[in-house]
C-alpha atoms as a PDB file:
ATOM      1  CA  MET A   1      -0.049  -0.113  -0.093  1.00  0.00           C
ATOM      2  CA  THR A   2       1.130   3.692  -0.634  1.00  0.00           C
ATOM      3  CA  MET A   3       0.417   6.300   1.955  1.00  0.00           C
ATOM      4  CA  LEU A   4      -2.496   6.018   3.512  1.00  0.00           C
ATOM      5  CA  ALA A   5      -3.541   9.758   2.873  1.00  0.00           C
ATOM      6  CA  GLU A   6      -3.998   9.018  -0.699  1.00  0.00           C
ATOM      7  CA  HIS A   7      -6.692   6.348  -0.065  1.00  0.00           C
ATOM      8  CA  VAL A   8      -9.006   7.880   2.746  1.00  0.00           C
ATOM      9  CA  ASP A   9     -10.410  11.242   3.869  1.00  0.00           C
ATOM     10  CA  VAL A  10     -10.035  10.931   7.461  1.00  0.00           C
ATOM     11  CA  VAL A  11      -8.238   8.521   9.896  1.00  0.00           C
ATOM     12  CA  ILE A  12      -9.712   7.418  13.397  1.00  0.00           C
ATOM     13  CA  GLY A  13      -7.193   7.123  15.720  1.00  0.00           C
ATOM     14  CA  VAL A  14      -8.214   4.938  18.972  1.00  0.00           C
ATOM     15  CA  ASP A  15      -6.560   4.864  22.320  1.00  0.00           C
ATOM     16  CA  THR A  16      -7.974   1.563  24.102  1.00  0.00           C
ATOM     17  CA  HIS A  17      -8.459   1.001  27.668  1.00  0.00           C
ATOM     18  CA  LYS A  18     -10.178  -1.651  29.758  1.00  0.00           C
ATOM     19  CA  HIS A  19     -13.420   0.463  30.409  1.00  0.00           C
ATOM     20  CA  THR A  20     -13.387   3.140  27.829  1.00  0.00           C
ATOM     21  CA  HIS A  21     -11.954   4.158  24.287  1.00  0.00           C
ATOM     22  CA  THR A  22     -10.758   7.535  23.234  1.00  0.00           C
ATOM     23  CA  ALA A  23     -11.030   8.435  19.517  1.00  0.00           C
ATOM     24  CA  ALA A  24      -9.769  11.280  17.303  1.00  0.00           C
ATOM     25  CA  VAL A  25     -11.077  11.857  13.701  1.00  0.00           C
ATOM     26  CA  VAL A  26      -7.930  13.555  11.928  1.00  0.00           C
ATOM     27  CA  ALA A  27      -8.322  14.869   8.390  1.00  0.00           C
ATOM     28  CA  SER A  28      -5.858  12.611   6.334  1.00  0.00           C
ATOM     29  CA  ASN A  29      -4.781  15.882   3.851  1.00  0.00           C
ATOM     30  CA  THR A  30      -3.754  18.118   6.577  1.00  0.00           C
ATOM     31  CA  GLY A  31      -3.507  16.354   9.914  1.00  0.00           C
ATOM     32  CA  ALA A  32      -6.017  18.256  11.428  1.00  0.00           C
ATOM     33  CA  VAL A  33      -8.312  17.002  14.402  1.00  0.00           C
ATOM     34  CA  LEU A  34     -11.970  17.384  13.391  1.00  0.00           C
ATOM     35  CA  GLU A  35     -13.304  15.824  16.574  1.00  0.00           C
ATOM     36  CA  THR A  36     -12.419  13.650  19.634  1.00  0.00           C
ATOM     37  CA  VAL A  37     -14.730  11.629  21.933  1.00  0.00           C
ATOM     38  CA  THR A  38     -14.507   9.168  24.699  1.00  0.00           C
ATOM     39  CA  VAL A  39     -16.946   6.254  24.907  1.00  0.00           C
ATOM     40  CA  ASP A  40     -17.606   3.143  26.938  1.00  0.00           C
ATOM     41  CA  ALA A  41     -15.812  -0.034  25.770  1.00  0.00           C
ATOM     42  CA  ASP A  42     -19.109  -1.961  25.106  1.00  0.00           C
ATOM     43  CA  PRO A  43     -21.607  -2.473  22.055  1.00  0.00           C
ATOM     44  CA  ASP A  44     -23.520   1.000  22.693  1.00  0.00           C
ATOM     45  CA  GLY A  45     -20.094   2.806  22.643  1.00  0.00           C
ATOM     46  CA  TYR A  46     -18.963   1.098  19.355  1.00  0.00           C
ATOM     47  CA  ASP A  47     -22.336   2.240  17.853  1.00  0.00           C
ATOM     48  CA  GLN A  48     -21.532   5.774  18.841  1.00  0.00           C
ATOM     49  CA  LEU A  49     -17.874   5.644  17.296  1.00  0.00           C
ATOM     50  CA  ILE A  50     -19.246   4.504  14.271  1.00  0.00           C
ATOM     51  CA  GLU A  51     -22.197   7.059  14.018  1.00  0.00           C
ATOM     52  CA  LEU A  52     -19.640  10.016  14.800  1.00  0.00           C
ATOM     53  CA  CYS A  53     -17.513   8.773  11.838  1.00  0.00           C
ATOM     54  CA  ASP A  54     -20.264   8.694   9.774  1.00  0.00           C
ATOM     55  CA  GLU A  55     -20.891  12.353  10.212  1.00  0.00           C
ATOM     56  CA  HIS A  56     -17.412  13.070   8.723  1.00  0.00           C
ATOM     57  CA  ALA A  57     -16.469  10.956   5.942  1.00  0.00           C
ATOM     58  CA  VAL A  58     -17.279   7.862   4.038  1.00  0.00           C
ATOM     59  CA  LEU A  59     -13.768   7.122   2.955  1.00  0.00           C
ATOM     60  CA  ARG A  60     -11.824   6.233   6.370  1.00  0.00           C
ATOM     61  CA  ALA A  61      -9.575   4.047   8.334  1.00  0.00           C
ATOM     62  CA  TRP A  62      -9.203   3.163  11.738  1.00  0.00           C
ATOM     63  CA  ALA A  63      -5.598   3.126  13.471  1.00  0.00           C
ATOM     64  CA  ILE A  64      -6.153   1.032  16.781  1.00  0.00           C
ATOM     65  CA  GLU A  65      -3.634   0.171  19.568  1.00  0.00           C
ATOM     66  CA  GLY A  66      -3.988  -2.977  21.237  1.00  0.00           C
ATOM     67  CA  THR A  67      -5.914  -4.812  18.609  1.00  0.00           C
ATOM     68  CA  GLY A  68      -5.233  -8.052  20.414  1.00  0.00           C
ATOM     69  CA  GLY A  69      -5.616  -6.768  23.949  1.00  0.00           C
ATOM     70  CA  TYR A  70      -8.124  -3.963  25.101  1.00  0.00           C
ATOM     71  CA  GLY A  71      -9.039  -3.046  21.265  1.00  0.00           C
ATOM     72  CA  ALA A  72      -9.799  -6.799  20.362  1.00  0.00           C
ATOM     73  CA  ASP A  73     -13.483  -6.258  20.877  1.00  0.00           C
ATOM     74  CA  LEU A  74     -13.771  -3.003  19.016  1.00  0.00           C
ATOM     75  CA  THR A  75     -11.555  -4.508  16.113  1.00  0.00           C
ATOM     76  CA  ARG A  76     -14.096  -7.221  15.794  1.00  0.00           C
ATOM     77  CA  VAL A  77     -16.881  -5.145  15.541  1.00  0.00           C
ATOM     78  CA  LEU A  78     -15.326  -2.946  12.984  1.00  0.00           C
ATOM     79  CA  GLN A  79     -14.069  -5.725  10.695  1.00  0.00           C
ATOM     80  CA  ASP A  80     -17.608  -7.232  10.653  1.00  0.00           C
ATOM     81  CA  ALA A  81     -18.642  -3.926   9.556  1.00  0.00           C
ATOM     82  CA  GLY A  82     -16.521  -3.664   6.846  1.00  0.00           C
ATOM     83  CA  GLU A  83     -14.350  -1.039   8.221  1.00  0.00           C
ATOM     84  CA  LEU A  84     -10.713  -0.562   7.198  1.00  0.00           C
ATOM     85  CA  VAL A  85      -8.601  -1.417  10.353  1.00  0.00           C
ATOM     86  CA  PHE A  86      -5.087  -0.973  10.869  1.00  0.00           C
ATOM     87  CA  GLU A  87      -2.917  -2.212  14.058  1.00  0.00           C
ATOM     88  CA  LEU A  88      -0.712   0.399  15.584  1.00  0.00           C
ATOM     89  CA  ASP A  89       2.063  -0.454  18.116  1.00  0.00           C
ATOM     90  CA  ARG A  90       2.354   1.782  21.037  1.00  0.00           C
ATOM     91  CA  PRO A  91       3.593   5.162  19.588  1.00  0.00           C
ATOM     92  CA  LYS A  92       6.671   6.731  21.288  1.00  0.00           C
ATOM     93  CA  ARG A  93       5.159   9.221  23.697  1.00  0.00           C
ATOM     94  CA  PRO A  94       7.218  12.380  24.709  1.00  0.00           C
ATOM     95  CA  LYS A  95       7.382  12.867  28.734  1.00  0.00           C
ATOM     96  CA  ARG A  96       4.721  15.192  29.792  1.00  0.00           C
ATOM     97  CA  ARG A  97       4.905  17.770  32.211  1.00  0.00           C
ATOM     98  CA  MET A  98       4.369  16.486  35.929  1.00  0.00           C
ATOM     99  CA  GLY A  99       3.730  13.132  34.446  1.00  0.00           C
ATOM    100  CA  GLU A 100       0.213  13.888  33.471  1.00  0.00           C
ATOM    101  CA  LYS A 101      -1.593  11.680  30.545  1.00  0.00           C
ATOM    102  CA  ASN A 102      -4.003  12.897  27.972  1.00  0.00           C
ATOM    103  CA  ASP A 103      -6.080  10.081  25.994  1.00  0.00           C
ATOM    104  CA  GLU A 104      -7.024  12.540  23.405  1.00  0.00           C
ATOM    105  CA  LEU A 105      -3.462  13.420  22.669  1.00  0.00           C
ATOM    106  CA  ASP A 106      -2.639   9.649  22.623  1.00  0.00           C
ATOM    107  CA  ALA A 107      -5.457   8.860  20.276  1.00  0.00           C
ATOM    108  CA  ILE A 108      -4.305  11.964  17.883  1.00  0.00           C
ATOM    109  CA  ARG A 109      -0.743  10.705  17.884  1.00  0.00           C
ATOM    110  CA  THR A 110      -1.874   7.168  16.780  1.00  0.00           C
ATOM    111  CA  ALA A 111      -4.190   8.607  13.857  1.00  0.00           C
ATOM    112  CA  ARG A 112      -1.109  10.620  12.824  1.00  0.00           C
ATOM    113  CA  ASP A 113       1.294   7.718  13.142  1.00  0.00           C
ATOM    114  CA  ALA A 114      -0.741   5.806  10.744  1.00  0.00           C
ATOM    115  CA  LEU A 115      -1.006   8.676   8.307  1.00  0.00           C
ATOM    116  CA  SER A 116       2.895   8.947   8.389  1.00  0.00           C
ATOM    117  CA  ARG A 117       3.910   5.555   7.410  1.00  0.00           C
ATOM    118  CA  GLU A 118       4.179   3.802   4.328  1.00  0.00           C
ATOM    119  CA  HIS A 119       3.097   0.285   5.280  1.00  0.00           C
ATOM    120  CA  ASN A 120       0.357  -0.192   8.049  1.00  0.00           C
ATOM    121  CA  ALA A 121      -0.041  -3.672   9.407  1.00  0.00           C
ATOM    122  CA  THR A 122      -3.668  -5.095   9.558  1.00  0.00           C
ATOM    123  CA  PRO A 123      -4.603  -6.865  12.784  1.00  0.00           C
ATOM    124  CA  ARG A 124      -4.630 -10.427  13.392  1.00  0.00           C
ATOM    125  CA  ARG A 125      -7.662 -12.277  12.718  1.00  0.00           C
ATOM    126  CA  GLY A 126      -9.470 -15.701  12.350  1.00  0.00           C
ATOM    127  CA  ALA A 127     -10.882 -18.072  14.759  1.00  0.00           C
ATOM    128  CA  ASP A 128      -8.274 -20.605  14.443  1.00  0.00           C
ATOM    129  CA  ARG A 129      -5.645 -18.079  15.104  1.00  0.00           C
ATOM    130  CA  ALA A 130      -7.423 -16.792  18.371  1.00  0.00           C
ATOM    131  CA  ALA A 131      -8.088 -20.343  19.462  1.00  0.00           C
ATOM    132  CA  LEU A 132      -4.291 -21.078  19.107  1.00  0.00           C
ATOM    133  CA  SER A 133      -3.244 -17.752  20.780  1.00  0.00           C
ATOM    134  CA  VAL A 134      -5.503 -18.599  23.939  1.00  0.00           C
ATOM    135  CA  LEU A 135      -4.193 -22.336  24.000  1.00  0.00           C
ATOM    136  CA  LEU A 136      -0.546 -21.281  23.727  1.00  0.00           C
ATOM    137  CA  ALA A 137      -0.981 -18.932  26.669  1.00  0.00           C
ATOM    138  CA  GLY A 138      -2.539 -21.458  28.652  1.00  0.00           C
ATOM    139  CA  ARG A 139       0.057 -23.904  27.977  1.00  0.00           C
ATOM    140  CA  ARG A 140       3.012 -21.620  28.499  1.00  0.00           C
ATOM    141  CA  SER A 141       1.549 -20.635  31.856  1.00  0.00           C
ATOM    142  CA  ALA A 142       1.022 -24.293  32.747  1.00  0.00           C
ATOM    143  CA  VAL A 143       4.556 -25.326  31.940  1.00  0.00           C
ATOM    144  CA  GLU A 144       6.029 -22.219  33.507  1.00  0.00           C
ATOM    145  CA  GLY A 145       4.110 -22.943  36.875  1.00  0.00           C
ATOM    146  CA  ALA A 146       5.244 -26.506  36.726  1.00  0.00           C
ATOM    147  CA  LYS A 147       8.640 -25.268  36.329  1.00  0.00           C
ATOM    148  CA  VAL A 148       8.483 -23.189  39.262  1.00  0.00           C
ATOM    149  CA  ALA A 149       7.016 -25.879  41.514  1.00  0.00           C
ATOM    150  CA  HIS A 150       9.741 -28.355  40.652  1.00  0.00           C
ATOM    151  CA  GLN A 151      12.499 -25.772  41.457  1.00  0.00           C
ATOM    152  CA  GLN A 152      10.665 -25.133  44.740  1.00  0.00           C
ATOM    153  CA  LEU A 153      10.559 -28.726  45.560  1.00  0.00           C
ATOM    154  CA  GLN A 154      13.963 -29.300  45.010  1.00  0.00           C
ATOM    155  CA  SER A 155      15.075 -26.412  47.270  1.00  0.00           C
ATOM    156  CA  LEU A 156      12.888 -27.663  50.036  1.00  0.00           C
ATOM    157  CA  ILE A 157      14.260 -31.149  49.983  1.00  0.00           C
ATOM    158  CA  CYS A 158      17.725 -29.489  50.381  1.00  0.00           C
ATOM    159  CA  ALA A 159      16.319 -27.788  53.556  1.00  0.00           C
ATOM    160  CA  ALA A 160      14.406 -30.464  54.796  1.00  0.00           C
ATOM    161  CA  PRO A 161      15.063 -32.724  58.062  1.00  0.00           C
ATOM    162  CA  GLU A 162      17.184 -35.824  57.490  1.00  0.00           C
ATOM    163  CA  GLN A 163      14.170 -37.896  57.823  1.00  0.00           C
ATOM    164  CA  LEU A 164      12.625 -36.705  54.543  1.00  0.00           C
ATOM    165  CA  ARG A 165      16.085 -35.904  52.919  1.00  0.00           C
ATOM    166  CA  SER A 166      16.954 -39.479  53.346  1.00  0.00           C
ATOM    167  CA  LYS A 167      13.931 -40.625  51.133  1.00  0.00           C
ATOM    168  CA  PHE A 168      15.268 -38.703  48.046  1.00  0.00           C
ATOM    169  CA  ARG A 169      18.995 -39.236  48.480  1.00  0.00           C
ATOM    170  CA  GLY A 170      20.324 -40.692  45.030  1.00  0.00           C
ATOM    171  CA  GLN A 171      17.137 -40.161  43.148  1.00  0.00           C
ATOM    172  CA  ARG A 172      16.925 -38.622  39.699  1.00  0.00           C
ATOM    173  CA  SER A 173      14.840 -35.683  39.233  1.00  0.00           C
ATOM    174  CA  ARG A 174      11.821 -37.483  37.715  1.00  0.00           C
ATOM    175  CA  THR A 175      11.734 -39.870  40.608  1.00  0.00           C
ATOM    176  CA  VAL A 176      12.132 -37.198  43.159  1.00  0.00           C
ATOM    177  CA  ALA A 177       8.920 -35.757  42.042  1.00  0.00           C
ATOM    178  CA  VAL A 178       7.091 -39.357  42.204  1.00  0.00           C
ATOM    179  CA  THR A 179       8.490 -40.003  45.746  1.00  0.00           C
ATOM    180  CA  ALA A 180       7.263 -36.451  46.922  1.00  0.00           C
ATOM    181  CA  GLY A 181       3.916 -36.879  45.576  1.00  0.00           C
ATOM    182  CA  ARG A 182       3.468 -40.176  47.385  1.00  0.00           C
ATOM    183  CA  LEU A 183       4.575 -39.039  50.823  1.00  0.00           C
ATOM    184  CA  ARG A 184       2.602 -39.993  53.896  1.00  0.00           C
ATOM    185  CA  ILE A 185       2.328 -37.552  56.953  1.00  0.00           C
ATOM    186  CA  ARG A 186       3.206 -39.496  60.015  1.00  0.00           C
ATOM    187  CA  GLY A 187       1.655 -38.474  63.580  1.00  0.00           C
ATOM    188  CA  GLU A 188       5.054 -38.987  65.400  1.00  0.00           C
ATOM    189  CA  TRP A 189       6.729 -36.188  63.383  1.00  0.00           C
ATOM    190  CA  ASP A 190       7.557 -32.977  64.932  1.00  0.00           C
ATOM    191  CA  LEU A 191       5.521 -29.942  63.402  1.00  0.00           C
ATOM    192  CA  GLU A 192       8.916 -28.934  61.343  1.00  0.00           C
ATOM    193  CA  THR A 193       8.964 -32.320  59.620  1.00  0.00           C
ATOM    194  CA  ARG A 194       5.235 -32.358  59.043  1.00  0.00           C
ATOM    195  CA  THR A 195       5.228 -29.167  57.453  1.00  0.00           C
ATOM    196  CA  TYR A 196       7.976 -29.969  55.166  1.00  0.00           C
ATOM    197  CA  ALA A 197       6.314 -33.185  53.958  1.00  0.00           C
ATOM    198  CA  THR A 198       3.153 -31.566  53.425  1.00  0.00           C
ATOM    199  CA  MET A 199       4.573 -28.936  51.216  1.00  0.00           C
ATOM    200  CA  LEU A 200       6.830 -31.426  49.160  1.00  0.00           C
ATOM    201  CA  ARG A 201       3.918 -33.518  48.347  1.00  0.00           C
ATOM    202  CA  ASP A 202       1.593 -30.507  47.647  1.00  0.00           C
ATOM    203  CA  LEU A 203       4.238 -29.099  45.217  1.00  0.00           C
ATOM    204  CA  ALA A 204       4.902 -32.361  43.610  1.00  0.00           C
ATOM    205  CA  ARG A 205       1.198 -33.021  42.930  1.00  0.00           C
ATOM    206  CA  ARG A 206       0.720 -29.441  41.582  1.00  0.00           C
ATOM    207  CA  ARG A 207       3.754 -30.043  39.002  1.00  0.00           C
ATOM    208  CA  VAL A 208       1.976 -33.182  37.987  1.00  0.00           C
ATOM    209  CA  ALA A 209      -1.585 -31.412  37.327  1.00  0.00           C
ATOM    210  CA  LEU A 210       0.076 -28.511  35.432  1.00  0.00           C
ATOM    211  CA  LEU A 211       2.079 -30.745  33.509  1.00  0.00           C
ATOM    212  CA  LYS A 212      -1.164 -32.742  32.606  1.00  0.00           C
ATOM    213  CA  GLU A 213      -3.163 -29.602  31.856  1.00  0.00           C
ATOM    214  CA  ALA A 214      -0.063 -28.567  29.447  1.00  0.00           C
ATOM    215  CA  LYS A 215      -0.429 -31.902  27.661  1.00  0.00           C
ATOM    216  CA  THR A 216      -4.090 -31.252  27.103  1.00  0.00           C
ATOM    217  CA  HIS A 217      -3.454 -28.042  25.678  1.00  0.00           C
ATOM    218  CA  GLU A 218      -0.810 -29.295  23.176  1.00  0.00           C
ATOM    219  CA  GLN A 219      -3.505 -31.723  22.032  1.00  0.00           C
ATOM    220  CA  LYS A 220      -6.014 -29.241  21.301  1.00  0.00           C
ATOM    221  CA  ILE A 221      -3.239 -26.913  19.524  1.00  0.00           C
ATOM    222  CA  LEU A 222      -2.268 -30.083  17.602  1.00  0.00           C
ATOM    223  CA  ALA A 223      -5.609 -30.751  16.383  1.00  0.00           C
ATOM    224  CA  ILE A 224      -6.052 -27.195  15.194  1.00  0.00           C
ATOM    225  CA  VAL A 225      -2.893 -27.178  13.382  1.00  0.00           C
ATOM    226  CA  LYS A 226      -3.781 -30.458  11.525  1.00  0.00           C
ATOM    227  CA  SER A 227      -7.111 -28.951  10.343  1.00  0.00           C
ATOM    228  CA  TRP A 228      -5.775 -25.443   9.363  1.00  0.00           C
ATOM    229  CA  ARG A 229      -2.114 -25.949   8.185  1.00  0.00           C
ATOM    230  CA  PRO A 230      -0.897 -29.568   8.623  1.00  0.00           C
ATOM    231  CA  ASP A 231       1.662 -28.993   5.837  1.00  0.00           C
ATOM    232  CA  LEU A 232       3.762 -26.987   8.508  1.00  0.00           C
ATOM    233  CA  LEU A 233       4.353 -30.347  10.591  1.00  0.00           C
ATOM    234  CA  ASP A 234       6.037 -31.712   7.447  1.00  0.00           C
ATOM    235  CA  GLU A 235       8.919 -29.309   8.004  1.00  0.00           C
ATOM    236  CA  PHE A 236      12.081 -30.727   9.666  1.00  0.00           C
ATOM    237  CA  GLY A 237      12.029 -29.652  13.404  1.00  0.00           C
ATOM    238  CA  VAL A 238       8.701 -28.489  13.369  1.00  0.00           C
ATOM    239  CA  GLY A 239       6.169 -29.586  15.919  1.00  0.00           C
ATOM    240  CA  PRO A 240       2.667 -28.348  17.110  1.00  0.00           C
ATOM    241  CA  ILE A 241       4.071 -25.719  19.331  1.00  0.00           C
ATOM    242  CA  VAL A 242       6.216 -24.127  16.855  1.00  0.00           C
ATOM    243  CA  ALA A 243       3.683 -24.382  14.136  1.00  0.00           C
ATOM    244  CA  ALA A 244       1.136 -22.828  16.209  1.00  0.00           C
ATOM    245  CA  THR A 245       3.469 -20.142  17.178  1.00  0.00           C
ATOM    246  CA  VAL A 246       4.451 -19.157  13.827  1.00  0.00           C
ATOM    247  CA  LEU A 247       0.612 -19.380  12.651  1.00  0.00           C
ATOM    248  CA  CYS A 248      -0.521 -17.121  15.333  1.00  0.00           C
ATOM    249  CA  ALA A 249       2.174 -14.496  14.203  1.00  0.00           C
ATOM    250  CA  TRP A 250       1.444 -14.749  10.581  1.00  0.00           C
ATOM    251  CA  SER A 251      -2.314 -14.687  11.256  1.00  0.00           C
ATOM    252  CA  HIS A 252      -3.501 -14.618   7.539  1.00  0.00           C
ATOM    253  CA  PRO A 253      -2.111 -14.127   3.688  1.00  0.00           C
ATOM    254  CA  GLY A 254      -1.099 -10.513   2.959  1.00  0.00           C
ATOM    255  CA  ARG A 255      -0.773  -9.531   6.613  1.00  0.00           C
ATOM    256  CA  CYS A 256       2.957  -9.288   5.910  1.00  0.00           C
ATOM    257  CA  ARG A 257       3.589  -7.483   2.677  1.00  0.00           C
ATOM    258  CA  ASN A 258       6.687  -9.686   1.637  1.00  0.00           C
ATOM    259  CA  GLU A 259       9.172 -12.175   3.168  1.00  0.00           C
ATOM    260  CA  GLY A 260      11.356  -9.400   4.383  1.00  0.00           C
ATOM    261  CA  ALA A 261       8.487  -7.952   6.581  1.00  0.00           C
ATOM    262  CA  PHE A 262       7.846 -11.267   8.029  1.00  0.00           C
ATOM    263  CA  ALA A 263      11.350 -11.811   9.046  1.00  0.00           C
ATOM    264  CA  LYS A 264      11.360  -8.147  10.505  1.00  0.00           C
ATOM    265  CA  LEU A 265       8.051  -9.331  12.569  1.00  0.00           C
ATOM    266  CA  ALA A 266      10.333 -12.475  13.860  1.00  0.00           C
ATOM    267  CA  GLY A 267      13.144 -10.263  14.832  1.00  0.00           C
ATOM    268  CA  VAL A 268      15.618 -12.017  12.252  1.00  0.00           C
ATOM    269  CA  ALA A 269      15.937  -9.375   9.656  1.00  0.00           C
ATOM    270  CA  PRO A 270      19.721  -8.574   9.805  1.00  0.00           C
ATOM    271  CA  ILE A 271      21.046  -5.417  11.581  1.00  0.00           C
ATOM    272  CA  PRO A 272      24.669  -4.301  10.334  1.00  0.00           C
ATOM    273  CA  ALA A 273      27.026  -4.321  13.215  1.00  0.00           C
ATOM    274  CA  SER A 274      28.299  -0.664  12.376  1.00  0.00           C
ATOM    275  CA  SER A 275      27.273   2.395  10.131  1.00  0.00           C
ATOM    276  CA  GLY A 276      30.225   2.073   7.914  1.00  0.00           C
ATOM    277  CA  VAL A 277      31.352  -0.815   5.429  1.00  0.00           C
ATOM    278  CA  THR A 278      30.780  -4.258   7.112  1.00  0.00           C
ATOM    279  CA  ASN A 279      30.022  -7.786   6.443  1.00  0.00           C
ATOM    280  CA  ARG A 280      29.103  -8.528  10.019  1.00  0.00           C
ATOM    281  CA  HIS A 281      25.525  -8.365  11.409  1.00  0.00           C
ATOM    282  CA  ARG A 282      24.352  -8.132  15.102  1.00  0.00           C
ATOM    283  CA  TYR A 283      21.334  -9.715  17.131  1.00  0.00           C
ATOM    284  CA  ASN A 284      18.111  -8.016  16.519  1.00  0.00           C
ATOM    285  CA  PRO A 285      16.168  -7.412  19.713  1.00  0.00           C
ATOM    286  CA  PHE A 286      12.820  -6.250  18.214  1.00  0.00           C
ATOM    287  CA  GLY A 287      10.027  -8.265  16.760  1.00  0.00           C
ATOM    288  CA  ASP A 288       7.702 -11.190  18.061  1.00  0.00           C
ATOM    289  CA  ARG A 289       9.897 -12.836  20.571  1.00  0.00           C
ATOM    290  CA  GLN A 290       7.982 -16.021  20.720  1.00  0.00           C
ATOM    291  CA  LEU A 291       7.890 -16.331  16.948  1.00  0.00           C
ATOM    292  CA  ASN A 292      11.780 -15.391  17.271  1.00  0.00           C
ATOM    293  CA  ARG A 293      12.123 -18.398  19.672  1.00  0.00           C
ATOM    294  CA  ALA A 294      10.312 -20.829  17.694  1.00  0.00           C
ATOM    295  CA  LEU A 295      12.392 -20.146  14.675  1.00  0.00           C
ATOM    296  CA  HIS A 296      15.544 -20.701  17.022  1.00  0.00           C
ATOM    297  CA  LEU A 297      14.230 -24.075  18.218  1.00  0.00           C
ATOM    298  CA  VAL A 298      13.765 -25.189  14.381  1.00  0.00           C
ATOM    299  CA  VAL A 299      17.246 -24.094  13.633  1.00  0.00           C
ATOM    300  CA  VAL A 300      18.855 -25.652  16.691  1.00  0.00           C
ATOM    301  CA  HIS A 301      17.346 -29.028  15.857  1.00  0.00           C
ATOM    302  CA  ARG A 302      18.172 -29.027  12.373  1.00  0.00           C
ATOM    303  CA  MET A 303      21.750 -28.008  13.126  1.00  0.00           C
ATOM    304  CA  ARG A 304      21.898 -31.161  15.353  1.00  0.00           C
ATOM    305  CA  ARG A 305      20.409 -33.703  12.952  1.00  0.00           C
ATOM    306  CA  HIS A 306      19.615 -32.403   9.650  1.00  0.00           C
ATOM    307  CA  ASP A 307      22.295 -33.505   7.092  1.00  0.00           C
ATOM    308  CA  GLU A 308      21.850 -30.629   4.647  1.00  0.00           C
ATOM    309  CA  THR A 309      21.989 -28.384   7.582  1.00  0.00           C
ATOM    310  CA  SER A 310      24.979 -29.813   9.212  1.00  0.00           C
ATOM    311  CA  ALA A 311      26.749 -29.463   5.885  1.00  0.00           C
ATOM    312  CA  TYR A 312      25.649 -25.719   5.407  1.00  0.00           C
ATOM    313  CA  VAL A 313      27.211 -25.128   9.110  1.00  0.00           C
ATOM    314  CA  ASP A 314      30.639 -26.859   8.200  1.00  0.00           C
ATOM    315  CA  ARG A 315      30.922 -24.762   4.961  1.00  0.00           C
ATOM    316  CA  ARG A 316      29.923 -21.494   6.801  1.00  0.00           C
ATOM    317  CA  ARG A 317      32.573 -22.196   9.526  1.00  0.00           C
ATOM    318  CA  THR A 318      35.226 -22.867   7.004  1.00  0.00           C
ATOM    319  CA  GLU A 319      34.452 -19.119   5.757  1.00  0.00           C
ATOM    320  CA  GLY A 320      35.100 -17.794   9.278  1.00  0.00           C
ATOM    321  CA  LYS A 321      31.388 -17.448  10.743  1.00  0.00           C
ATOM    322  CA  THR A 322      30.820 -18.105  14.156  1.00  0.00           C
ATOM    323  CA  ASP A 323      28.059 -20.469  15.341  1.00  0.00           C
ATOM    324  CA  ARG A 324      25.825 -17.564  16.426  1.00  0.00           C
ATOM    325  CA  GLU A 325      26.326 -15.861  13.230  1.00  0.00           C
ATOM    326  CA  ILE A 326      25.547 -19.128  11.436  1.00  0.00           C
ATOM    327  CA  ARG A 327      22.161 -19.744  13.562  1.00  0.00           C
ATOM    328  CA  ARG A 328      21.162 -16.130  12.729  1.00  0.00           C
ATOM    329  CA  CYS A 329      21.535 -16.574   8.797  1.00  0.00           C
ATOM    330  CA  LEU A 330      19.532 -20.032   9.221  1.00  0.00           C
ATOM    331  CA  LYS A 331      16.789 -18.320  11.034  1.00  0.00           C
ATOM    332  CA  ARG A 332      16.414 -15.766   8.062  1.00  0.00           C
ATOM    333  CA  TYR A 333      16.372 -18.643   5.933  1.00  0.00           C
ATOM    334  CA  VAL A 334      13.799 -20.655   7.846  1.00  0.00           C
ATOM    335  CA  ALA A 335      11.579 -17.393   8.208  1.00  0.00           C
ATOM    336  CA  ARG A 336      11.693 -17.084   4.351  1.00  0.00           C
ATOM    337  CA  ASP A 337      10.642 -20.655   3.818  1.00  0.00           C
ATOM    338  CA  PHE A 338       7.690 -20.216   6.579  1.00  0.00           C
ATOM    339  CA  TYR A 339       6.409 -17.287   4.671  1.00  0.00           C
ATOM    340  CA  ARG A 340       6.544 -18.501   1.127  1.00  0.00           C
ATOM    341  CA  ARG A 341       4.719 -21.671   2.387  1.00  0.00           C
ATOM    342  CA  LEU A 342       1.947 -20.100   4.228  1.00  0.00           C
ATOM    343  CA  GLU A 343       1.406 -17.670   1.614  1.00  0.00           C
ATOM    344  CA  GLN A 344       0.465 -20.311  -0.756  1.00  0.00           C
ATOM    345  CA  PRO A 345      -3.119 -21.940  -0.183  1.00  0.00           C
ATOM    346  CA  LEU A 346      -3.349 -25.566   0.464  1.00  0.00           C
ATOM    347  CA  ASP A 347      -4.615 -27.894  -2.588  1.00  0.00           C
ATOM    348  CA  ASN A 348      -7.482 -28.633  -0.442  1.00  0.00           C
ATOM    349  CA  GLN A 349      -8.370 -25.136   0.671  1.00  0.00           C
END
């Protein structure tokens, strides 16, 4: 797309919040503010916003902050109504005197930010993508909770009375959790020992429950990926979690204008190490970090077990590349492969 001002008469910038949304109608040709309004974040408020914009122009676009958070419901309503909606990341806001905040200024800045860009991103959409996003968040929470419970279990064992520590001595990590989950509280133990035993057992059982929950989420994720884009699972080193993460970031055809934009979204677009003539590139800290992590997992797996990738790594090492630089190159290649595959519809779709 060319500059947004060439296609619409006004841009409505929306600063979203939990209970209210503040919108600013900005003329696309001059950047002048035509009107601002604050409405409730409910269907009546959304209708009020649309009615307000109908008074100004038919050719319009919406620039919304937080289309996946506070602005998710408004975004769905507008898309269902056939409105042109763009997703804006939180713009850089100057420090205000005395730390005060003004939602109208934020909404105006959002609209003008959309007008100043040559390319604007469309919000993620689709029921499958939304379901995968929720399941990934739930699984990630369960896995992290299980990890914390296991760490606490190991720490408590180290500090527990000898009566309890002797039960775990020489056991492996997995066996320790099983033993702790089967502990029986004896009446002749003193208060300290009984309390330690109770907590060890509770932590072990909590860990088991959380891992079971994570497994359930993973099965549901696999079912959605198989029904949506099963071809991703044919890629070497790609499992259901990696595939779901890639699909959530990609969302739908055309969201990323080209494979370079997808690489930038993933944080794998190369950044020169200096502003002069250089053949070195540095770590890119930007982009979707979950997508970046998914690409990293694929690359690491292929470097260990994929013959073609191993041959590539050996060749690049002879050229003087470090393993870190080689991983960055491979992540860029994998991002390109994912993008090209996803932009091509399946034969049965």
